[in-house]
Amino acid sequence: MIPRDVIKHLCLHLAAAMLLLPCVVASQEELPIPVQSALNHRQLPHDTLSLYVADLDSGEPVLRWQDSVPRNPGSTIKLLTTLVALDVLGPTYTWQTDVYALGPVDKGRLNGNLLLKGYGDPFLVTERVWQLQRRIRQAGIHEIAGDLLIDDSYFEVVDYDPAAFDRQPLRAYNVAPNALLMNFKVVRYWFESNRDANGVRVWLDPPLANLRVDNRLTLTQGRCRGYQRGITISANDAVDKVTFSGKFPNGCERYAMDRAALGHSEYVYGLFAALWRESGGVFEGSWKTARAPDDMDPLVKFSSLSLAEIIKRINKHSNNVMARQVLYTLSAEVLGEPGTEAGGRKVVGDWLQQKGLKFSELAFDNGAGLSRDARMTAADFGAMLSFAWQQPYMPEYLASMSLAGLDGTLSYRLDDGPVAGNAHLKTGSLDHVAAIAGYLQSASGRRFALVVLQNHNDVHRGPGEEVQEAVLRWLYAQ
């Protein structure tokens, strides 16, 4: 048998002499020189990194490094959640939101309650709620004399603490799943310098009447910079009153901050009522929780975007609550309602076994990657990507990932070099976690699946990205 180092030596010399494509040799023992340099420059131990690269035409691995070590994959684990959803539910799957009129309608006035039943639509944002309301008006209702009844029983979310992950309960990424999730339960607060009054103006989008704002901000001289532009936000236990304090620099004409607000049902009521009245409708009631009647057809059945469109928003922008909605949906669709996180994990585990993807080191938590405990090996991840490449829904899966240098979480990365536009990738970043996974087409036209997982102190603060980009640039040259 010819030693590996001799093969490598001959390969490189033949490529140079005959102007052949660069020859990639699978190696457990040696990292590419540019990757070694990036690690050494940042004084990162080489054993903190796991790499797996496979040629998609041959199916053979071309680079493996620490690929059997289980590591925290961060948000790249969304690629597993969305892959299972594509395979189980299909790319054209849609969610429903049902509307019931519980009372007689006389000349456009509903003399009774209006009930909304959610089935987990992950993208029922403000614009989509407005479209839902247009459908209600087209069905003949312009005034609502009763209450808004809310049925979110399709999911069961037990003992969820939005502060558990990082003690930041108002952050949008910590929002809990809900079967009637609207606008991710998030408000965008806008702050404007009001120099005439020597103060700061605060306004909300969407404008929720049941959310109170205590504005204690003062205007100060300075450039538009600093953490949150000097703004401190706090909320009461019910999150129906937020307080802003601190000093806002007058160099900022406008600044936006997205934060979670209210409980799920309170938010649904606040958004629905605000949009209904804003469009000229009359809504006289409050809200209550209820169950949809079994013996009545909905007045309106409002369909979501397709799953293929939904996973673009999940993977390109790394939306945590949307990924979790998909996991709960898998549970409800496969195991029966109500959908649960534990049920979603079971569906994913069963699917892996059915497909022959034996992830022996997998620790799958909430499907979004917002976890300190999630684990996966680069080799298992690479096997999953190679499997997905052979499936009929591969184009939809590929299109859900960020294009290097062009959109999503990679909009401003790799935008000044040859890799831009030639890689579809999902990023992952947590404290001390940096990861990237997906597909790349090299300068020679070869296509690769690649996984880069790195866990080390402060690697998320920039060093991890430098290592990833060294891998991508090296691979593009192959």
Protein backbone atom coordinates (compact mmCIF):
# COMPACT_ATOMS: atom_id res chain seq x y z
CA MET A 1 0.00 0.00 0.00
CA ILE A 2 1.36 3.42 -0.94
CA PRO A 3 1.58 5.76 2.08
CA ARG A 4 -0.93 8.64 2.18
CA ASP A 5 1.77 11.33 2.25
CA VAL A 6 3.34 9.90 -0.91
CA ILE A 7 -0.05 9.95 -2.67
CA LYS A 8 -0.57 13.54 -1.63
CA HIS A 9 2.90 14.54 -2.84
CA LEU A 10 2.36 12.94 -6.24
CA CYS A 11 -1.12 14.39 -6.57
CA LEU A 12 0.02 17.95 -5.96
CA HIS A 13 2.93 17.67 -8.40
CA LEU A 14 0.74 16.16 -11.13
CA ALA A 15 -1.81 18.94 -10.69
CA ALA A 16 0.86 21.60 -11.03
CA ALA A 17 2.61 19.95 -13.97
CA MET A 18 -0.46 19.07 -15.98
CA LEU A 19 -2.64 22.05 -15.03
CA LEU A 20 -5.24 19.68 -13.63
CA LEU A 21 -7.80 20.67 -11.03
CA PRO A 22 -6.42 20.82 -7.49
CA CYS A 23 -6.41 17.37 -5.93
CA VAL A 24 -8.18 17.03 -2.58
CA VAL A 25 -6.99 14.19 -0.40
CA ALA A 26 -9.13 12.94 2.47
CA SER A 27 -7.14 13.36 5.65
CA GLN A 28 -7.85 12.81 9.30
CA GLU A 29 -4.40 14.02 10.27
CA GLU A 30 -3.92 17.34 8.56
CA LEU A 31 -5.91 20.54 8.13
CA PRO A 32 -5.51 22.71 5.02
CA ILE A 33 -2.73 25.27 5.50
CA PRO A 34 -5.09 28.33 5.33
CA VAL A 35 -7.27 26.81 8.06
CA GLN A 36 -4.25 26.05 10.22
CA SER A 37 -3.08 29.64 9.76
CA ALA A 38 -6.45 31.05 10.81
CA LEU A 39 -6.48 28.89 13.93
CA ASN A 40 -2.89 29.75 14.82
CA HIS A 41 -3.42 33.46 14.23
CA ARG A 42 -6.26 33.48 16.77
CA GLN A 43 -4.46 31.05 19.08
CA LEU A 44 -7.31 28.57 18.82
CA PRO A 45 -6.52 24.94 19.67
CA HIS A 46 -6.91 22.77 16.58
CA ASP A 47 -8.95 20.21 18.52
CA THR A 48 -11.73 22.78 19.12
CA LEU A 49 -12.68 22.47 15.45
CA SER A 50 -14.66 19.78 13.62
CA LEU A 51 -14.74 19.64 9.81
CA TYR A 52 -16.50 17.42 7.34
CA VAL A 53 -16.52 17.94 3.57
CA ALA A 54 -17.98 15.50 1.04
CA ASP A 55 -17.98 15.51 -2.77
CA LEU A 56 -21.66 15.41 -3.73
CA ASP A 57 -21.05 13.67 -7.07
CA SER A 58 -19.08 10.76 -5.68
CA GLY A 59 -20.51 10.86 -2.17
CA GLU A 60 -16.99 10.42 -0.79
CA PRO A 61 -15.57 12.56 2.04
CA VAL A 62 -12.67 14.75 0.92
CA LEU A 63 -11.79 16.32 4.26
CA ARG A 64 -12.44 15.08 7.78
CA TRP A 65 -11.13 16.60 10.98
CA GLN A 66 -12.41 15.71 14.47
CA ASP A 67 -15.65 14.84 12.68
CA SER A 68 -16.83 12.27 15.23
CA VAL A 69 -16.62 14.70 18.18
CA PRO A 70 -20.10 15.83 19.34
CA ARG A 71 -20.29 19.63 19.44
CA ASN A 72 -22.94 22.28 19.94
CA PRO A 73 -24.10 23.19 16.41
CA GLY A 74 -25.99 26.36 17.38
CA SER A 75 -28.63 27.41 14.88
CA THR A 76 -27.30 25.14 12.14
CA ILE A 77 -29.48 22.44 13.74
CA LYS A 78 -32.43 24.21 12.11
CA LEU A 79 -31.32 22.40 8.96
CA LEU A 80 -32.35 19.12 10.60
CA THR A 81 -35.73 20.46 11.76
CA THR A 82 -36.58 21.90 8.35
CA LEU A 83 -35.35 18.83 6.48
CA VAL A 84 -37.61 16.54 8.50
CA ALA A 85 -40.52 18.92 7.90
CA LEU A 86 -39.92 18.92 4.14
CA ASP A 87 -39.82 15.13 4.05
CA VAL A 88 -42.76 14.48 6.38
CA LEU A 89 -45.11 17.36 5.52
CA GLY A 90 -44.01 18.17 1.96
CA PRO A 91 -42.93 21.53 0.51
CA THR A 92 -46.51 22.61 -0.29
CA TYR A 93 -47.83 22.01 3.25
CA THR A 94 -49.76 24.97 4.70
CA TRP A 95 -51.10 25.89 8.13
CA GLN A 96 -54.68 27.04 8.71
CA THR A 97 -56.18 29.78 10.86
CA ASP A 98 -59.94 29.32 11.23
CA VAL A 99 -62.46 32.06 11.98
CA TYR A 100 -65.91 31.38 13.48
CA ALA A 101 -68.79 33.83 13.74
CA LEU A 102 -70.64 32.86 16.95
CA GLY A 103 -73.81 34.83 16.48
CA PRO A 104 -76.11 36.26 13.83
CA VAL A 105 -74.82 38.81 11.33
CA ASP A 106 -77.21 41.67 10.57
CA LYS A 107 -76.25 44.31 8.01
CA GLY A 108 -72.56 43.67 8.54
CA ARG A 109 -72.77 43.59 12.35
CA LEU A 110 -71.87 40.39 14.20
CA ASN A 111 -74.12 40.24 17.24
CA GLY A 112 -71.94 37.80 19.10
CA ASN A 113 -68.33 36.72 19.47
CA LEU A 114 -65.67 36.15 16.84
CA LEU A 115 -63.46 33.10 17.45
CA LEU A 116 -59.97 32.53 16.05
CA LYS A 117 -58.49 29.02 16.12
CA GLY A 118 -54.79 28.70 15.33
CA TYR A 119 -53.00 25.68 13.93
CA GLY A 120 -49.47 26.95 14.36
CA ASP A 121 -48.88 29.29 11.39
CA PRO A 122 -45.27 30.41 11.97
CA PHE A 123 -45.58 33.57 9.85
CA LEU A 124 -48.87 35.22 10.82
CA VAL A 125 -47.23 38.64 10.83
CA THR A 126 -49.00 42.02 10.81
CA GLU A 127 -49.49 42.09 7.04
CA ARG A 128 -50.92 38.58 7.05
CA VAL A 129 -53.31 39.42 9.91
CA TRP A 130 -54.50 42.38 7.84
CA GLN A 131 -55.17 39.98 4.93
CA LEU A 132 -57.03 37.66 7.30
CA GLN A 133 -59.23 40.57 8.36
CA ARG A 134 -59.98 41.41 4.73
CA ARG A 135 -61.26 37.86 4.31
CA ILE A 136 -63.54 38.37 7.34
CA ARG A 137 -64.90 41.57 5.83
CA GLN A 138 -65.44 39.85 2.50
CA ALA A 139 -67.51 37.28 4.41
CA GLY A 140 -69.83 40.11 5.46
CA ILE A 141 -68.63 41.26 8.89
CA HIS A 142 -67.69 44.91 9.47
CA GLU A 143 -68.69 45.36 13.11
CA ILE A 144 -68.09 43.01 16.06
CA ALA A 145 -70.39 43.51 19.02
CA GLY A 146 -68.96 40.72 21.17
CA ASP A 147 -65.52 39.53 22.26
CA LEU A 148 -62.58 38.02 20.46
CA LEU A 149 -62.35 34.36 21.50
CA ILE A 150 -58.94 32.71 21.18
CA ASP A 151 -58.32 28.99 20.70
CA ASP A 152 -54.63 28.07 20.82
CA SER A 153 -55.18 24.50 22.01
CA TYR A 154 -53.50 22.88 18.99
CA PHE A 155 -50.14 23.25 20.78
CA GLU A 156 -49.40 22.51 24.41
CA VAL A 157 -46.55 24.60 25.78
CA VAL A 158 -45.87 23.73 29.41
CA ASP A 159 -43.92 25.79 31.97
CA TYR A 160 -42.04 27.88 29.42
CA ASP A 161 -39.69 30.46 30.96
CA PRO A 162 -38.48 33.04 28.40
CA ALA A 163 -35.67 34.05 30.76
CA ALA A 164 -34.28 30.53 31.18
CA PHE A 165 -31.82 30.60 28.29
CA ASP A 166 -29.98 33.87 28.93
CA ARG A 167 -32.09 35.92 31.37
CA GLN A 168 -33.34 38.09 28.50
CA PRO A 169 -37.11 37.43 28.53
CA LEU A 170 -37.92 40.37 26.24
CA ARG A 171 -35.64 39.27 23.42
CA ALA A 172 -37.53 38.14 20.32
CA TYR A 173 -35.53 34.92 20.01
CA ASN A 174 -36.83 33.78 23.43
CA VAL A 175 -40.54 33.94 22.49
CA ALA A 176 -42.44 30.72 23.24
CA PRO A 177 -44.27 28.78 20.51
CA ASN A 178 -48.04 29.16 20.31
CA ALA A 179 -50.71 27.76 18.02
CA LEU A 180 -52.02 31.29 17.40
CA LEU A 181 -48.71 33.11 17.19
CA MET A 182 -49.07 36.60 15.74
CA ASN A 183 -46.17 38.76 14.58
CA PHE A 184 -43.80 36.63 16.71
CA LYS A 185 -45.32 38.43 19.75
CA VAL A 186 -42.89 41.25 19.05
CA VAL A 187 -43.22 45.03 18.98
CA ARG A 188 -40.83 47.33 17.17
CA TYR A 189 -40.24 50.42 19.29
CA TRP A 190 -39.13 53.50 17.38
CA PHE A 191 -37.21 56.26 19.13
CA GLU A 192 -36.86 59.76 17.68
CA SER A 193 -35.04 62.82 18.89
CA ASN A 194 -37.52 65.58 19.66
CA ARG A 195 -35.15 68.51 19.82
CA ASP A 196 -37.94 71.09 20.03
CA ALA A 197 -39.17 69.56 23.30
CA ASN A 198 -35.67 68.45 24.33
CA GLY A 199 -37.01 64.93 24.70
CA VAL A 200 -37.40 61.57 23.00
CA ARG A 201 -40.51 60.45 21.16
CA VAL A 202 -41.43 56.74 21.34
CA TRP A 203 -43.92 55.05 19.06
CA LEU A 204 -44.94 51.43 18.51
CA ASP A 205 -45.33 49.21 15.46
CA PRO A 206 -47.84 47.63 15.62
CA PRO A 207 -49.70 50.12 17.84
CA LEU A 208 -51.15 47.96 20.62
CA ALA A 209 -53.71 49.76 22.77
CA ASN A 210 -53.30 47.27 25.62
CA LEU A 211 -49.55 47.87 25.92
CA ARG A 212 -48.54 50.83 28.10
CA VAL A 213 -45.27 52.71 27.67
CA ASP A 214 -43.58 54.72 30.42
CA ASN A 215 -41.10 56.97 28.63
CA ARG A 216 -38.42 58.27 31.03
CA LEU A 217 -35.77 58.87 28.38
CA THR A 218 -33.82 62.10 28.31
CA LEU A 219 -32.02 63.62 25.34
CA THR A 220 -28.29 64.11 25.60
CA GLN A 221 -25.55 65.54 23.40
CA GLY A 222 -23.65 62.90 21.47
CA ARG A 223 -23.18 60.80 18.38
CA CYS A 224 -25.59 57.98 17.51
CA ARG A 225 -23.75 55.07 19.08
CA GLY A 226 -23.52 52.95 22.22
CA TYR A 227 -25.26 49.80 23.35
CA GLN A 228 -28.99 50.19 22.54
CA ARG A 229 -28.15 53.91 22.08
CA GLY A 230 -28.19 54.33 25.83
CA ILE A 231 -31.72 52.95 26.22
CA THR A 232 -32.63 50.65 29.12
CA ILE A 233 -35.87 48.69 28.82
CA SER A 234 -37.75 46.96 31.64
CA ALA A 235 -41.21 45.46 31.98
CA ASN A 236 -43.64 44.38 34.67
CA ASP A 237 -44.45 40.70 35.20
CA ALA A 238 -47.41 40.77 32.81
CA VAL A 239 -45.28 42.55 30.18
CA ASP A 240 -48.20 44.89 29.52
CA LYS A 241 -46.18 47.90 30.65
CA VAL A 242 -42.67 48.69 29.45
CA THR A 243 -40.45 51.40 30.86
CA PHE A 244 -37.69 53.13 28.89
CA SER A 245 -35.01 55.01 30.77
CA GLY A 246 -31.52 56.31 30.07
CA LYS A 247 -29.97 58.96 27.85
CA PHE A 248 -30.64 58.97 24.13
CA PRO A 249 -28.02 60.77 21.97
CA ASN A 250 -29.37 63.64 19.91
CA GLY A 251 -27.18 62.45 17.04
CA CYS A 252 -29.78 59.72 16.46
CA GLU A 253 -32.67 60.87 14.38
CA ARG A 254 -34.34 57.49 14.60
CA TYR A 255 -33.55 54.13 16.20
CA ALA A 256 -35.53 50.87 16.33
CA MET A 257 -35.62 48.10 18.92
CA ASP A 258 -37.59 44.84 18.63
CA ARG A 259 -38.79 43.27 21.87
CA ALA A 260 -41.43 40.77 22.99
CA ALA A 261 -44.52 42.13 24.72
CA LEU A 262 -47.66 40.89 26.49
CA GLY A 263 -48.83 37.29 26.75
CA HIS A 264 -49.75 35.44 23.56
CA SER A 265 -53.52 35.92 23.90
CA GLU A 266 -53.19 39.55 24.99
CA TYR A 267 -50.98 40.21 21.98
CA VAL A 268 -53.45 38.56 19.58
CA TYR A 269 -56.25 40.71 20.96
CA GLY A 270 -54.18 43.90 20.89
CA LEU A 271 -53.01 43.39 17.30
CA PHE A 272 -56.36 42.19 15.97
CA ALA A 273 -58.29 45.05 17.60
CA ALA A 274 -55.79 47.70 16.51
CA LEU A 275 -55.81 46.61 12.86
CA TRP A 276 -59.58 46.14 12.77
CA ARG A 277 -60.22 49.65 14.09
CA GLU A 278 -57.43 51.16 11.99
CA SER A 279 -59.25 49.89 8.89
CA GLY A 280 -62.49 51.55 9.97
CA GLY A 281 -64.15 48.57 11.65
CA VAL A 282 -66.02 48.57 14.93
CA PHE A 283 -64.93 46.22 17.69
CA GLU A 284 -66.68 46.62 21.03
CA GLY A 285 -65.50 43.68 23.12
CA SER A 286 -62.47 42.30 24.94
CA TRP A 287 -60.99 38.79 24.70
CA LYS A 288 -61.35 35.35 26.26
CA THR A 289 -59.91 31.90 25.69
CA ALA A 290 -62.32 29.30 24.29
CA ARG A 291 -62.55 26.15 22.20
CA ALA A 292 -63.77 26.16 18.63
CA PRO A 293 -67.13 24.40 18.13
CA ASP A 294 -66.97 20.88 16.67
CA ASP A 295 -70.40 21.16 15.03
CA MET A 296 -69.81 24.31 12.99
CA ASP A 297 -67.87 25.10 9.83
CA PRO A 298 -65.49 28.05 9.95
CA LEU A 299 -66.61 31.31 8.38
CA VAL A 300 -63.08 31.76 6.99
CA LYS A 301 -60.22 29.29 6.53
CA PHE A 302 -57.04 31.32 6.09
CA SER A 303 -54.03 29.48 4.69
CA SER A 304 -50.41 30.27 5.48
CA LEU A 305 -47.51 30.54 3.10
CA SER A 306 -46.22 27.16 1.94
CA LEU A 307 -43.66 25.25 3.98
CA ALA A 308 -41.10 25.90 1.23
CA GLU A 309 -41.56 29.65 1.77
CA ILE A 310 -41.63 29.30 5.56
CA ILE A 311 -38.29 27.48 5.77
CA LYS A 312 -36.65 30.28 3.78
CA ARG A 313 -37.57 32.64 6.59
CA ILE A 314 -36.40 30.15 9.19
CA ASN A 315 -33.00 29.33 7.72
CA LYS A 316 -32.00 32.52 5.95
CA HIS A 317 -32.81 34.69 8.98
CA SER A 318 -32.37 32.06 11.70
CA ASN A 319 -35.81 32.63 13.21
CA ASN A 320 -35.99 30.60 16.43
CA VAL A 321 -39.69 30.74 17.24
CA MET A 322 -40.62 29.80 13.65
CA ALA A 323 -38.38 26.73 13.86
CA ARG A 324 -40.03 25.76 17.11
CA GLN A 325 -43.48 26.19 15.55
CA VAL A 326 -42.43 23.69 12.88
CA LEU A 327 -41.28 21.19 15.53
CA TYR A 328 -44.61 21.43 17.39
CA THR A 329 -46.43 21.06 14.07
CA LEU A 330 -44.55 17.83 13.33
CA SER A 331 -45.69 16.51 16.69
CA ALA A 332 -49.33 17.44 16.11
CA GLU A 333 -49.46 16.14 12.53
CA VAL A 334 -47.69 12.83 13.15
CA LEU A 335 -48.61 11.95 16.76
CA GLY A 336 -51.88 13.86 17.10
CA GLU A 337 -52.80 17.09 18.80
CA PRO A 338 -51.82 18.84 20.90
CA GLY A 339 -48.34 19.32 19.48
CA THR A 340 -45.53 19.32 22.03
CA GLU A 341 -41.79 19.80 22.03
CA ALA A 342 -41.24 16.26 23.29
CA GLY A 343 -43.48 14.94 20.53
CA GLY A 344 -41.51 16.88 17.93
CA ARG A 345 -38.26 15.39 19.21
CA LYS A 346 -39.76 11.90 18.92
CA VAL A 347 -40.84 12.54 15.33
CA VAL A 348 -37.33 13.70 14.42
CA GLY A 349 -35.71 10.71 16.15
CA ASP A 350 -38.06 8.24 14.48
CA TRP A 351 -37.46 9.85 11.09
CA LEU A 352 -33.68 9.54 11.43
CA GLN A 353 -34.02 5.84 12.17
CA GLN A 354 -36.40 5.28 9.25
CA LYS A 355 -33.95 6.97 6.87
CA GLY A 356 -30.97 5.03 8.16
CA LEU A 357 -29.30 8.15 9.55
CA LYS A 358 -27.93 6.81 12.81
CA PHE A 359 -26.94 9.89 14.78
CA SER A 360 -25.38 8.17 17.77
CA GLU A 361 -24.19 11.42 19.39
CA LEU A 362 -27.23 13.59 18.65
CA ALA A 363 -28.69 15.70 21.46
CA PHE A 364 -31.70 17.43 19.91
CA ASP A 365 -33.39 19.97 22.15
CA ASN A 366 -35.91 22.47 20.78
CA GLY A 367 -35.19 22.30 17.05
CA ALA A 368 -34.00 25.90 16.88
CA GLY A 369 -30.49 25.66 18.32
CA LEU A 370 -31.24 27.97 21.23
CA SER A 371 -29.72 25.48 23.62
CA ARG A 372 -26.56 24.88 25.64
CA ASP A 373 -27.15 21.13 25.50
CA ALA A 374 -27.66 20.41 21.78
CA ARG A 375 -24.94 18.25 20.22
CA MET A 376 -24.18 16.77 16.81
CA THR A 377 -21.07 15.45 15.09
CA ALA A 378 -19.82 16.95 11.84
CA ALA A 379 -19.84 13.49 10.24
CA ASP A 380 -23.52 12.92 11.07
CA PHE A 381 -24.38 16.43 9.90
CA GLY A 382 -22.54 15.81 6.63
CA ALA A 383 -24.38 12.52 6.10
CA MET A 384 -27.66 14.38 6.53
CA LEU A 385 -26.68 17.02 3.95
CA SER A 386 -25.62 14.32 1.48
CA PHE A 387 -28.97 12.55 2.03
CA ALA A 388 -30.90 15.78 1.43
CA TRP A 389 -29.00 16.40 -1.82
CA GLN A 390 -30.52 13.22 -3.30
CA GLN A 391 -34.15 14.07 -2.43
CA PRO A 392 -36.75 15.50 -4.83
CA TYR A 393 -37.27 18.52 -2.57
CA MET A 394 -33.54 19.35 -2.62
CA PRO A 395 -34.10 22.63 -4.55
CA GLU A 396 -36.48 23.93 -1.87
CA TYR A 397 -34.07 22.89 0.88
CA LEU A 398 -31.11 24.52 -0.86
CA ALA A 399 -33.06 27.73 -1.50
CA SER A 400 -33.87 28.06 2.20
CA MET A 401 -30.23 28.76 3.07
CA SER A 402 -28.40 32.07 2.92
CA LEU A 403 -26.45 32.82 -0.24
CA ALA A 404 -22.90 33.74 0.73
CA GLY A 405 -22.40 37.49 0.55
CA LEU A 406 -25.91 38.16 -0.76
CA ASP A 407 -28.74 37.58 1.72
CA GLY A 408 -29.88 36.35 5.11
CA THR A 409 -27.33 36.02 7.88
CA LEU A 410 -24.54 36.05 5.27
CA SER A 411 -25.52 39.37 3.70
CA TYR A 412 -22.34 41.08 4.84
CA ARG A 413 -19.97 38.10 4.92
CA LEU A 414 -17.88 36.81 2.02
CA ASP A 415 -19.30 39.60 -0.14
CA ASP A 416 -15.93 40.75 -1.47
CA GLY A 417 -14.52 37.53 -2.89
CA PRO A 418 -15.18 34.60 -5.20
CA VAL A 419 -17.24 32.61 -2.68
CA ALA A 420 -20.06 35.19 -2.91
CA GLY A 421 -23.08 33.63 -4.59
CA ASN A 422 -21.46 30.20 -4.76
CA ALA A 423 -22.46 28.77 -1.38
CA HIS A 424 -25.83 28.10 0.26
CA LEU A 425 -25.18 28.00 3.99
CA LYS A 426 -26.80 28.11 7.43
CA THR A 427 -24.92 29.91 10.18
CA GLY A 428 -24.97 29.19 13.90
CA SER A 429 -23.74 31.40 16.69
CA LEU A 430 -24.11 31.20 20.46
CA ASP A 431 -21.77 32.21 23.25
CA HIS A 432 -18.62 30.15 22.60
CA VAL A 433 -20.17 28.45 19.56
CA ALA A 434 -19.49 29.17 15.88
CA ALA A 435 -20.86 26.94 13.14
CA ILE A 436 -21.71 26.88 9.47
CA ALA A 437 -23.14 24.14 7.26
CA GLY A 438 -24.52 23.71 3.77
CA TYR A 439 -23.38 23.45 0.18
CA LEU A 440 -20.69 25.07 -1.98
CA GLN A 441 -19.88 24.99 -5.68
CA SER A 442 -16.17 25.42 -6.31
CA ALA A 443 -14.43 27.34 -9.08
CA SER A 444 -14.06 24.08 -11.01
CA GLY A 445 -17.78 23.32 -10.81
CA ARG A 446 -17.49 20.61 -8.17
CA ARG A 447 -20.21 20.58 -5.53
CA PHE A 448 -19.55 19.89 -1.88
CA ALA A 449 -21.49 19.44 1.35
CA LEU A 450 -19.60 21.00 4.22
CA VAL A 451 -19.89 21.30 7.99
CA VAL A 452 -17.74 23.48 10.26
CA LEU A 453 -18.42 23.23 14.02
CA GLN A 454 -16.28 25.02 16.58
CA ASN A 455 -16.79 25.27 20.36
CA HIS A 456 -14.29 27.35 22.31
CA ASN A 457 -14.19 30.31 24.66
CA ASP A 458 -15.17 33.53 22.79
CA VAL A 459 -15.02 31.85 19.38
CA HIS A 460 -18.35 33.52 18.58
CA ARG A 461 -16.79 36.98 18.81
CA GLY A 462 -15.15 36.80 15.38
CA PRO A 463 -12.44 34.15 15.40
CA GLY A 464 -14.91 31.44 14.42
CA GLU A 465 -16.00 33.38 11.34
CA GLU A 466 -12.36 33.79 10.27
CA VAL A 467 -11.84 30.03 10.48
CA GLN A 468 -15.06 29.35 8.55
CA GLU A 469 -14.08 31.75 5.80
CA ALA A 470 -10.65 30.15 5.53
CA VAL A 471 -12.38 26.79 5.00
CA LEU A 472 -14.78 28.20 2.42
CA ARG A 473 -12.10 30.01 0.41
CA TRP A 474 -9.89 26.92 0.44
CA LEU A 475 -12.76 24.70 -0.68
CA TYR A 476 -13.82 27.10 -3.42
CA ALA A 477 -10.36 26.76 -4.97
CA GLN A 478 -10.71 22.97 -5.30
